[in-house]
Amino acid sequence: MKPASHHVTRCRRCTAPIVWCLTSANGRRQPVNAAPDEEGNVAVSSGADGVLYVRTVTAARPDIRPGEWRAMPHHATCTSPPPRRSSAPTPRAVRGVRPVPWQR
């Protein structure tokens, strides 16, 4: 099964066709490749409200239900991913020197 054409958009960085889905675990948005992929680790389904939902295919639930298709998260295949953020804190800029010491 493939997504409806009105769900398909393009990635801003690599221009690959993607669909935006809501995760079934916490309702956050996740980009998924629009083309079905047998090697993918997520299952995408269309809800009754017309929104696409995605869930992770795990060892506990490896089967694909009727109405779902297997796909790959776009973050795993994007050819131009965003730059990684460093977890190290940035040094604080010194703006000036206090001319006199603190007084009590």
PDB file of N, CA and C in Angstrom:
ATOM      1  N   MET A   1       0.848  -1.181   0.000  1.00  0.00           N
ATOM      2  CA  MET A   1       0.000   0.000   0.000  1.00  0.00           C
ATOM      3  C   MET A   1       0.883   1.231   0.000  1.00  0.00           C
ATOM      4  N   LYS A   2       0.500   2.237  -0.745  1.00  0.00           N
ATOM      5  CA  LYS A   2       1.255   3.479  -0.818  1.00  0.00           C
ATOM      6  C   LYS A   2       0.420   4.608  -0.231  1.00  0.00           C
ATOM      7  N   PRO A   3       1.068   5.667   0.247  1.00  0.00           N
ATOM      8  CA  PRO A   3       0.309   6.797   0.781  1.00  0.00           C
ATOM      9  C   PRO A   3      -0.404   7.561  -0.332  1.00  0.00           C
ATOM     10  N   ALA A   4      -1.465   8.249   0.045  1.00  0.00           N
ATOM     11  CA  ALA A   4      -2.191   9.071  -0.921  1.00  0.00           C
ATOM     12  C   ALA A   4      -1.300  10.227  -1.368  1.00  0.00           C
ATOM     13  N   SER A   5      -1.513  10.697  -2.578  1.00  0.00           N
ATOM     14  CA  SER A   5      -0.640  11.729  -3.147  1.00  0.00           C
ATOM     15  C   SER A   5      -0.693  13.036  -2.363  1.00  0.00           C
ATOM     16  N   HIS A   6      -1.797  13.329  -1.674  1.00  0.00           N
ATOM     17  CA  HIS A   6      -1.860  14.590  -0.926  1.00  0.00           C
ATOM     18  C   HIS A   6      -1.036  14.540   0.358  1.00  0.00           C
ATOM     19  N   HIS A   7      -0.579  13.365   0.784  1.00  0.00           N
ATOM     20  CA  HIS A   7       0.284  13.247   1.954  1.00  0.00           C
ATOM     21  C   HIS A   7       1.764  13.419   1.600  1.00  0.00           C
ATOM     22  N   VAL A   8       2.127  13.198   0.349  1.00  0.00           N
ATOM     23  CA  VAL A   8       3.530  13.189  -0.054  1.00  0.00           C
ATOM     24  C   VAL A   8       4.041  14.612  -0.212  1.00  0.00           C
ATOM     25  N   THR A   9       5.183  14.893   0.445  1.00  0.00           N
ATOM     26  CA  THR A   9       5.891  16.169   0.310  1.00  0.00           C
ATOM     27  C   THR A   9       7.346  15.854  -0.021  1.00  0.00           C
ATOM     28  N   ARG A  10       8.178  16.866  -0.053  1.00  0.00           N
ATOM     29  CA  ARG A  10       9.602  16.694  -0.347  1.00  0.00           C
ATOM     30  C   ARG A  10      10.433  17.139   0.851  1.00  0.00           C
ATOM     31  N   CYS A  11      11.521  16.443   1.079  1.00  0.00           N
ATOM     32  CA  CYS A  11      12.470  16.819   2.131  1.00  0.00           C
ATOM     33  C   CYS A  11      13.123  18.138   1.721  1.00  0.00           C
ATOM     34  N   ARG A  12      13.265  19.055   2.662  1.00  0.00           N
ATOM     35  CA  ARG A  12      13.875  20.357   2.352  1.00  0.00           C
ATOM     36  C   ARG A  12      15.353  20.228   2.013  1.00  0.00           C
ATOM     37  N   ARG A  13      16.011  19.224   2.558  1.00  0.00           N
ATOM     38  CA  ARG A  13      17.453  19.108   2.374  1.00  0.00           C
ATOM     39  C   ARG A  13      17.830  18.272   1.147  1.00  0.00           C
ATOM     40  N   CYS A  14      17.193  17.113   0.957  1.00  0.00           N
ATOM     41  CA  CYS A  14      17.604  16.223  -0.139  1.00  0.00           C
ATOM     42  C   CYS A  14      16.539  16.083  -1.226  1.00  0.00           C
ATOM     43  N   THR A  15      15.391  16.676  -1.050  1.00  0.00           N
ATOM     44  CA  THR A  15      14.254  16.682  -1.985  1.00  0.00           C
ATOM     45  C   THR A  15      13.689  15.292  -2.269  1.00  0.00           C
ATOM     46  N   ALA A  16      13.914  14.339  -1.386  1.00  0.00           N
ATOM     47  CA  ALA A  16      13.328  13.007  -1.547  1.00  0.00           C
ATOM     48  C   ALA A  16      11.857  13.054  -1.140  1.00  0.00           C
ATOM     49  N   PRO A  17      10.997  12.231  -1.746  1.00  0.00           N
ATOM     50  CA  PRO A  17       9.587  12.220  -1.353  1.00  0.00           C
ATOM     51  C   PRO A  17       9.415  11.593   0.035  1.00  0.00           C
ATOM     52  N   ILE A  18       8.720  12.308   0.913  1.00  0.00           N
ATOM     53  CA  ILE A  18       8.483  11.836   2.277  1.00  0.00           C
ATOM     54  C   ILE A  18       7.018  12.068   2.643  1.00  0.00           C
ATOM     55  N   VAL A  19       6.594  11.435   3.713  1.00  0.00           N
ATOM     56  CA  VAL A  19       5.287  11.697   4.311  1.00  0.00           C
ATOM     57  C   VAL A  19       5.523  11.986   5.791  1.00  0.00           C
ATOM     58  N   TRP A  20       4.736  12.893   6.346  1.00  0.00           N
ATOM     59  CA  TRP A  20       4.820  13.202   7.766  1.00  0.00           C
ATOM     60  C   TRP A  20       3.768  12.375   8.489  1.00  0.00           C
ATOM     61  N   CYS A  21       4.191  11.698   9.544  1.00  0.00           N
ATOM     62  CA  CYS A  21       3.306  10.835  10.317  1.00  0.00           C
ATOM     63  C   CYS A  21       3.361  11.242  11.777  1.00  0.00           C
ATOM     64  N   LEU A  22       2.337  10.845  12.507  1.00  0.00           N
ATOM     65  CA  LEU A  22       2.346  11.011  13.959  1.00  0.00           C
ATOM     66  C   LEU A  22       2.700   9.672  14.573  1.00  0.00           C
ATOM     67  N   THR A  23       3.596   9.687  15.555  1.00  0.00           N
ATOM     68  CA  THR A  23       3.968   8.440  16.205  1.00  0.00           C
ATOM     69  C   THR A  23       2.831   7.986  17.101  1.00  0.00           C
ATOM     70  N   SER A  24       2.583   6.701  17.114  1.00  0.00           N
ATOM     71  CA  SER A  24       1.497   6.181  17.944  1.00  0.00           C
ATOM     72  C   SER A  24       1.879   6.183  19.416  1.00  0.00           C
ATOM     73  N   ALA A  25       3.179   6.233  19.737  1.00  0.00           N
ATOM     74  CA  ALA A  25       3.621   6.211  21.123  1.00  0.00           C
ATOM     75  C   ALA A  25       3.369   7.541  21.836  1.00  0.00           C
ATOM     76  N   ASN A  26       3.742   8.664  21.188  1.00  0.00           N
ATOM     77  CA  ASN A  26       3.616   9.947  21.871  1.00  0.00           C
ATOM     78  C   ASN A  26       3.064  11.078  21.011  1.00  0.00           C
ATOM     79  N   GLY A  27       2.652  10.794  19.800  1.00  0.00           N
ATOM     80  CA  GLY A  27       2.008  11.809  18.968  1.00  0.00           C
ATOM     81  C   GLY A  27       2.947  12.843  18.373  1.00  0.00           C
ATOM     82  N   ARG A  28       4.235  12.567  18.324  1.00  0.00           N
ATOM     83  CA  ARG A  28       5.179  13.501  17.717  1.00  0.00           C
ATOM     84  C   ARG A  28       5.267  13.245  16.219  1.00  0.00           C
ATOM     85  N   ARG A  29       5.637  14.285  15.466  1.00  0.00           N
ATOM     86  CA  ARG A  29       5.763  14.162  14.017  1.00  0.00           C
ATOM     87  C   ARG A  29       7.064  13.467  13.642  1.00  0.00           C
ATOM     88  N   GLN A  30       6.991  12.592  12.643  1.00  0.00           N
ATOM     89  CA  GLN A  30       8.168  11.869  12.170  1.00  0.00           C
ATOM     90  C   GLN A  30       8.116  11.783  10.655  1.00  0.00           C
ATOM     91  N   PRO A  31       9.207  12.173   9.965  1.00  0.00           N
ATOM     92  CA  PRO A  31       9.236  12.012   8.512  1.00  0.00           C
ATOM     93  C   PRO A  31       9.569  10.565   8.158  1.00  0.00           C
ATOM     94  N   VAL A  32       8.842  10.038   7.182  1.00  0.00           N
ATOM     95  CA  VAL A  32       9.027   8.655   6.734  1.00  0.00           C
ATOM     96  C   VAL A  32       9.125   8.683   5.216  1.00  0.00           C
ATOM     97  N   ASN A  33       9.998   7.848   4.652  1.00  0.00           N
ATOM     98  CA  ASN A  33      10.093   7.759   3.196  1.00  0.00           C
ATOM     99  C   ASN A  33       8.739   7.353   2.625  1.00  0.00           C
ATOM    100  N   ALA A  34       8.353   7.973   1.529  1.00  0.00           N
ATOM    101  CA  ALA A  34       7.036   7.729   0.949  1.00  0.00           C
ATOM    102  C   ALA A  34       6.935   6.356   0.292  1.00  0.00           C
ATOM    103  N   ALA A  35       8.034   5.842  -0.200  1.00  0.00           N
ATOM    104  CA  ALA A  35       8.011   4.540  -0.871  1.00  0.00           C
ATOM    105  C   ALA A  35       8.051   3.415   0.157  1.00  0.00           C
ATOM    106  N   PRO A  36       7.199   2.407   0.016  1.00  0.00           N
ATOM    107  CA  PRO A  36       7.273   1.252   0.917  1.00  0.00           C
ATOM    108  C   PRO A  36       8.634   0.563   0.802  1.00  0.00           C
ATOM    109  N   ASP A  37       9.124   0.031   1.918  1.00  0.00           N
ATOM    110  CA  ASP A  37      10.440  -0.595   1.962  1.00  0.00           C
ATOM    111  C   ASP A  37      10.363  -1.835   2.838  1.00  0.00           C
ATOM    112  N   GLU A  38      10.672  -2.993   2.271  1.00  0.00           N
ATOM    113  CA  GLU A  38      10.616  -4.247   3.021  1.00  0.00           C
ATOM    114  C   GLU A  38      11.668  -4.309   4.123  1.00  0.00           C
ATOM    115  N   GLU A  39      12.720  -3.520   4.024  1.00  0.00           N
ATOM    116  CA  GLU A  39      13.769  -3.480   5.042  1.00  0.00           C
ATOM    117  C   GLU A  39      13.465  -2.459   6.135  1.00  0.00           C
ATOM    118  N   GLY A  40      12.378  -1.720   6.009  1.00  0.00           N
ATOM    119  CA  GLY A  40      12.040  -0.669   6.971  1.00  0.00           C
ATOM    120  C   GLY A  40      11.693  -1.218   8.338  1.00  0.00           C
ATOM    121  N   ASN A  41      11.809  -0.363   9.349  1.00  0.00           N
ATOM    122  CA  ASN A  41      11.523  -0.795  10.710  1.00  0.00           C
ATOM    123  C   ASN A  41      10.334  -0.071  11.328  1.00  0.00           C
ATOM    124  N   VAL A  42       9.505   0.572  10.494  1.00  0.00           N
ATOM    125  CA  VAL A  42       8.278   1.192  10.979  1.00  0.00           C
ATOM    126  C   VAL A  42       7.107   0.745  10.109  1.00  0.00           C
ATOM    127  N   ALA A  43       5.925   0.753  10.713  1.00  0.00           N
ATOM    128  CA  ALA A  43       4.691   0.431   9.986  1.00  0.00           C
ATOM    129  C   ALA A  43       3.828   1.675   9.965  1.00  0.00           C
ATOM    130  N   VAL A  44       3.366   2.064   8.790  1.00  0.00           N
ATOM    131  CA  VAL A  44       2.574   3.279   8.607  1.00  0.00           C
ATOM    132  C   VAL A  44       1.149   2.874   8.280  1.00  0.00           C
ATOM    133  N   SER A  45       0.187   3.563   8.900  1.00  0.00           N
ATOM    134  CA  SER A  45      -1.226   3.317   8.613  1.00  0.00           C
ATOM    135  C   SER A  45      -1.957   4.642   8.563  1.00  0.00           C
ATOM    136  N   SER A  46      -3.068   4.649   7.875  1.00  0.00           N
ATOM    137  CA  SER A  46      -3.910   5.835   7.786  1.00  0.00           C
ATOM    138  C   SER A  46      -5.043   5.697   8.791  1.00  0.00           C
ATOM    139  N   GLY A  47      -5.191   6.704   9.632  1.00  0.00           N
ATOM    140  CA  GLY A  47      -6.242   6.671  10.639  1.00  0.00           C
ATOM    141  C   GLY A  47      -7.590   7.058  10.059  1.00  0.00           C
ATOM    142  N   ALA A  48      -8.623   6.913  10.860  1.00  0.00           N
ATOM    143  CA  ALA A  48      -9.975   7.265  10.422  1.00  0.00           C
ATOM    144  C   ALA A  48     -10.110   8.767  10.183  1.00  0.00           C
ATOM    145  N   ASP A  49      -9.251   9.559  10.821  1.00  0.00           N
ATOM    146  CA  ASP A  49      -9.288  11.005  10.656  1.00  0.00           C
ATOM    147  C   ASP A  49      -8.468  11.477   9.456  1.00  0.00           C
ATOM    148  N   GLY A  50      -7.873  10.548   8.696  1.00  0.00           N
ATOM    149  CA  GLY A  50      -7.103  10.897   7.505  1.00  0.00           C
ATOM    150  C   GLY A  50      -5.648  11.203   7.786  1.00  0.00           C
ATOM    151  N   VAL A  51      -5.221  11.096   9.019  1.00  0.00           N
ATOM    152  CA  VAL A  51      -3.840  11.357   9.401  1.00  0.00           C
ATOM    153  C   VAL A  51      -3.050  10.053   9.330  1.00  0.00           C
ATOM    154  N   LEU A  52      -1.791  10.141   8.928  1.00  0.00           N
ATOM    155  CA  LEU A  52      -0.933   8.962   8.888  1.00  0.00           C
ATOM    156  C   LEU A  52      -0.300   8.756  10.262  1.00  0.00           C
ATOM    157  N   TYR A  53      -0.312   7.515  10.722  1.00  0.00           N
ATOM    158  CA  TYR A  53       0.281   7.151  12.000  1.00  0.00           C
ATOM    159  C   TYR A  53       1.390   6.148  11.759  1.00  0.00           C
ATOM    160  N   VAL A  54       2.421   6.198  12.581  1.00  0.00           N
ATOM    161  CA  VAL A  54       3.562   5.310  12.431  1.00  0.00           C
ATOM    162  C   VAL A  54       3.856   4.641  13.774  1.00  0.00           C
ATOM    163  N   ARG A  55       4.233   3.369  13.701  1.00  0.00           N
ATOM    164  CA  ARG A  55       4.653   2.632  14.893  1.00  0.00           C
ATOM    165  C   ARG A  55       5.899   1.854  14.541  1.00  0.00           C
ATOM    166  N   THR A  56       6.696   1.573  15.551  1.00  0.00           N
ATOM    167  CA  THR A  56       7.924   0.822  15.348  1.00  0.00           C
ATOM    168  C   THR A  56       7.609  -0.666  15.257  1.00  0.00           C
ATOM    169  N   VAL A  57       8.224  -1.339  14.308  1.00  0.00           N
ATOM    170  CA  VAL A  57       8.104  -2.786  14.187  1.00  0.00           C
ATOM    171  C   VAL A  57       9.134  -3.390  15.137  1.00  0.00           C
ATOM    172  N   THR A  58       8.666  -4.087  16.157  1.00  0.00           N
ATOM    173  CA  THR A  58       9.556  -4.657  17.171  1.00  0.00           C
ATOM    174  C   THR A  58       9.477  -6.170  17.154  1.00  0.00           C
ATOM    175  N   ALA A  59      10.321  -6.791  17.952  1.00  0.00           N
ATOM    176  CA  ALA A  59      10.287  -8.252  18.061  1.00  0.00           C
ATOM    177  C   ALA A  59       8.986  -8.709  18.702  1.00  0.00           C
ATOM    178  N   ALA A  60       8.415  -7.876  19.579  1.00  0.00           N
ATOM    179  CA  ALA A  60       7.154  -8.238  20.214  1.00  0.00           C
ATOM    180  C   ALA A  60       5.978  -8.127  19.241  1.00  0.00           C
ATOM    181  N   ARG A  61       6.045  -7.162  18.314  1.00  0.00           N
ATOM    182  CA  ARG A  61       4.980  -6.985  17.314  1.00  0.00           C
ATOM    183  C   ARG A  61       5.587  -6.850  15.924  1.00  0.00           C
ATOM    184  N   PRO A  62       6.099  -7.955  15.359  1.00  0.00           N
ATOM    185  CA  PRO A  62       6.763  -7.876  14.056  1.00  0.00           C
ATOM    186  C   PRO A  62       5.811  -7.926  12.859  1.00  0.00           C
ATOM    187  N   ASP A  63       4.573  -8.277  13.085  1.00  0.00           N
ATOM    188  CA  ASP A  63       3.649  -8.457  11.963  1.00  0.00           C
ATOM    189  C   ASP A  63       3.104  -7.119  11.477  1.00  0.00           C
ATOM    190  N   ILE A  64       2.839  -7.080  10.180  1.00  0.00           N
ATOM    191  CA  ILE A  64       2.237  -5.911   9.562  1.00  0.00           C
ATOM    192  C   ILE A  64       0.749  -6.194   9.428  1.00  0.00           C
ATOM    193  N   ARG A  65      -0.058  -5.348  10.025  1.00  0.00           N
ATOM    194  CA  ARG A  65      -1.508  -5.539  10.010  1.00  0.00           C
ATOM    195  C   ARG A  65      -2.099  -5.127   8.665  1.00  0.00           C
ATOM    196  N   PRO A  66      -3.322  -5.552   8.371  1.00  0.00           N
ATOM    197  CA  PRO A  66      -3.985  -5.095   7.145  1.00  0.00           C
ATOM    198  C   PRO A  66      -4.165  -3.570   7.183  1.00  0.00           C
ATOM    199  N   GLY A  67      -3.869  -2.927   6.072  1.00  0.00           N
ATOM    200  CA  GLY A  67      -3.978  -1.477   5.991  1.00  0.00           C
ATOM    201  C   GLY A  67      -2.687  -0.753   6.347  1.00  0.00           C
ATOM    202  N   GLU A  68      -1.662  -1.477   6.776  1.00  0.00           N
ATOM    203  CA  GLU A  68      -0.365  -0.879   7.086  1.00  0.00           C
ATOM    204  C   GLU A  68       0.627  -1.223   5.979  1.00  0.00           C
ATOM    205  N   TRP A  69       1.681  -0.422   5.883  1.00  0.00           N
ATOM    206  CA  TRP A  69       2.785  -0.770   5.014  1.00  0.00           C
ATOM    207  C   TRP A  69       4.084  -0.477   5.742  1.00  0.00           C
ATOM    208  N   ARG A  70       5.101  -1.269   5.414  1.00  0.00           N
ATOM    209  CA  ARG A  70       6.412  -1.137   6.049  1.00  0.00           C
ATOM    210  C   ARG A  70       7.187  -0.041   5.330  1.00  0.00           C
ATOM    211  N   ALA A  71       7.850   0.818   6.092  1.00  0.00           N
ATOM    212  CA  ALA A  71       8.607   1.924   5.520  1.00  0.00           C
ATOM    213  C   ALA A  71       9.854   2.176   6.351  1.00  0.00           C
ATOM    214  N   MET A  72      10.695   3.079   5.850  1.00  0.00           N
ATOM    215  CA  MET A  72      11.945   3.438   6.518  1.00  0.00           C
ATOM    216  C   MET A  72      11.838   4.887   6.996  1.00  0.00           C
ATOM    217  N   PRO A  73      12.234   5.172   8.244  1.00  0.00           N
ATOM    218  CA  PRO A  73      12.269   6.567   8.690  1.00  0.00           C
ATOM    219  C   PRO A  73      13.228   7.372   7.806  1.00  0.00           C
ATOM    220  N   HIS A  74      12.846   8.589   7.465  1.00  0.00           N
ATOM    221  CA  HIS A  74      13.663   9.375   6.542  1.00  0.00           C
ATOM    222  C   HIS A  74      14.988   9.793   7.164  1.00  0.00           C
ATOM    223  N   HIS A  75      15.046   9.922   8.475  1.00  0.00           N
ATOM    224  CA  HIS A  75      16.308  10.297   9.122  1.00  0.00           C
ATOM    225  C   HIS A  75      17.404   9.275   8.835  1.00  0.00           C
ATOM    226  N   ALA A  76      17.028   8.031   8.613  1.00  0.00           N
ATOM    227  CA  ALA A  76      18.014   6.975   8.363  1.00  0.00           C
ATOM    228  C   ALA A  76      18.560   7.009   6.948  1.00  0.00           C
ATOM    229  N   THR A  77      17.846   7.633   6.007  1.00  0.00           N
ATOM    230  CA  THR A  77      18.267   7.579   4.610  1.00  0.00           C
ATOM    231  C   THR A  77      18.519   8.941   3.977  1.00  0.00           C
ATOM    232  N   CYS A  78      18.347  10.031   4.708  1.00  0.00           N
ATOM    233  CA  CYS A  78      18.521  11.370   4.135  1.00  0.00           C
ATOM    234  C   CYS A  78      19.977  11.562   3.722  1.00  0.00           C
ATOM    235  N   THR A  79      20.193  12.024   2.488  1.00  0.00           N
ATOM    236  CA  THR A  79      21.549  12.215   1.987  1.00  0.00           C
ATOM    237  C   THR A  79      22.158  13.525   2.453  1.00  0.00           C
ATOM    238  N   SER A  80      21.352  14.443   2.976  1.00  0.00           N
ATOM    239  CA  SER A  80      21.837  15.728   3.485  1.00  0.00           C
ATOM    240  C   SER A  80      21.269  15.978   4.875  1.00  0.00           C
ATOM    241  N   PRO A  81      21.676  15.185   5.866  1.00  0.00           N
ATOM    242  CA  PRO A  81      21.101  15.371   7.200  1.00  0.00           C
ATOM    243  C   PRO A  81      21.542  16.695   7.809  1.00  0.00           C
ATOM    244  N   PRO A  82      20.772  17.214   8.762  1.00  0.00           N
ATOM    245  CA  PRO A  82      21.182  18.457   9.415  1.00  0.00           C
ATOM    246  C   PRO A  82      22.466  18.238  10.211  1.00  0.00           C
ATOM    247  N   PRO A  83      23.230  19.301  10.436  1.00  0.00           N
ATOM    248  CA  PRO A  83      24.466  19.127  11.198  1.00  0.00           C
ATOM    249  C   PRO A  83      24.170  18.679  12.619  1.00  0.00           C
ATOM    250  N   ARG A  84      25.043  17.823  13.151  1.00  0.00           N
ATOM    251  CA  ARG A  84      24.860  17.326  14.506  1.00  0.00           C
ATOM    252  C   ARG A  84      25.153  18.426  15.507  1.00  0.00           C
ATOM    253  N   ARG A  85      24.366  18.457  16.554  1.00  0.00           N
ATOM    254  CA  ARG A  85      24.591  19.425  17.621  1.00  0.00           C
ATOM    255  C   ARG A  85      25.560  18.831  18.630  1.00  0.00           C
ATOM    256  N   SER A  86      26.423  19.660  19.116  1.00  0.00           N
ATOM    257  CA  SER A  86      27.375  19.209  20.120  1.00  0.00           C
ATOM    258  C   SER A  86      26.699  19.218  21.483  1.00  0.00           C
ATOM    259  N   SER A  87      26.996  18.210  22.293  1.00  0.00           N
ATOM    260  CA  SER A  87      26.417  18.171  23.627  1.00  0.00           C
ATOM    261  C   SER A  87      27.270  18.948  24.622  1.00  0.00           C
ATOM    262  N   ALA A  88      28.470  19.375  24.192  1.00  0.00           N
ATOM    263  CA  ALA A  88      29.336  20.150  25.074  1.00  0.00           C
ATOM    264  C   ALA A  88      28.812  21.578  25.182  1.00  0.00           C
ATOM    265  N   PRO A  89      28.839  22.151  26.367  1.00  0.00           N
ATOM    266  CA  PRO A  89      28.365  23.531  26.505  1.00  0.00           C
ATOM    267  C   PRO A  89      29.305  24.502  25.800  1.00  0.00           C
ATOM    268  N   THR A  90      28.751  25.547  25.256  1.00  0.00           N
ATOM    269  CA  THR A  90      29.558  26.552  24.581  1.00  0.00           C
ATOM    270  C   THR A  90      30.170  27.480  25.620  1.00  0.00           C
ATOM    271  N   PRO A  91      31.386  27.944  25.381  1.00  0.00           N
ATOM    272  CA  PRO A  91      31.990  28.856  26.348  1.00  0.00           C
ATOM    273  C   PRO A  91      31.231  30.179  26.372  1.00  0.00           C
ATOM    274  N   ARG A  92      31.119  30.726  27.557  1.00  0.00           N
ATOM    275  CA  ARG A  92      30.374  31.969  27.724  1.00  0.00           C
ATOM    276  C   ARG A  92      31.246  33.146  27.313  1.00  0.00           C
ATOM    277  N   ALA A  93      30.684  34.054  26.569  1.00  0.00           N
ATOM    278  CA  ALA A  93      31.426  35.209  26.101  1.00  0.00           C
ATOM    279  C   ALA A  93      31.604  36.215  27.248  1.00  0.00           C
ATOM    280  N   VAL A  94      32.789  36.796  27.329  1.00  0.00           N
ATOM    281  CA  VAL A  94      33.058  37.828  28.320  1.00  0.00           C
ATOM    282  C   VAL A  94      32.657  39.156  27.707  1.00  0.00           C
ATOM    283  N   ARG A  95      31.765  39.862  28.360  1.00  0.00           N
ATOM    284  CA  ARG A  95      31.248  41.102  27.786  1.00  0.00           C
ATOM    285  C   ARG A  95      31.964  42.339  28.293  1.00  0.00           C
ATOM    286  N   GLY A  96      32.640  42.233  29.378  1.00  0.00           N
ATOM    287  CA  GLY A  96      33.319  43.404  29.920  1.00  0.00           C
ATOM    288  C   GLY A  96      33.825  43.101  31.315  1.00  0.00           C
ATOM    289  N   VAL A  97      34.533  44.031  31.888  1.00  0.00           N
ATOM    290  CA  VAL A  97      35.099  43.853  33.208  1.00  0.00           C
ATOM    291  C   VAL A  97      34.449  44.864  34.139  1.00  0.00           C
ATOM    292  N   ARG A  98      34.075  44.402  35.325  1.00  0.00           N
ATOM    293  CA  ARG A  98      33.487  45.302  36.311  1.00  0.00           C
ATOM    294  C   ARG A  98      34.596  46.215  36.823  1.00  0.00           C
ATOM    295  N   PRO A  99      34.430  47.532  36.739  1.00  0.00           N
ATOM    296  CA  PRO A  99      35.504  48.432  37.106  1.00  0.00           C
ATOM    297  C   PRO A  99      35.811  48.496  38.605  1.00  0.00           C
ATOM    298  N   VAL A 100      34.844  48.236  39.440  1.00  0.00           N
ATOM    299  CA  VAL A 100      35.065  48.303  40.879  1.00  0.00           C
ATOM    300  C   VAL A 100      34.558  47.019  41.502  1.00  0.00           C
ATOM    301  N   PRO A 101      35.116  46.613  42.649  1.00  0.00           N
ATOM    302  CA  PRO A 101      34.621  45.411  43.298  1.00  0.00           C
ATOM    303  C   PRO A 101      33.247  45.646  43.913  1.00  0.00           C
ATOM    304  N   TRP A 102      32.580  44.540  44.207  1.00  0.00           N
ATOM    305  CA  TRP A 102      31.279  44.630  44.858  1.00  0.00           C
ATOM    306  C   TRP A 102      31.437  45.291  46.220  1.00  0.00           C
ATOM    307  N   GLN A 103      30.475  46.099  46.572  1.00  0.00           N
ATOM    308  CA  GLN A 103      30.495  46.704  47.893  1.00  0.00           C
ATOM    309  C   GLN A 103      29.309  46.218  48.688  1.00  0.00           C
ATOM    310  N   ARG A 104      29.536  46.050  49.967  1.00  0.00           N
ATOM    311  CA  ARG A 104      28.457  45.568  50.821  1.00  0.00           C
ATOM    312  C   ARG A 104      27.837  46.665  51.598  1.00  0.00           C
TER     313      ARG A 104
END
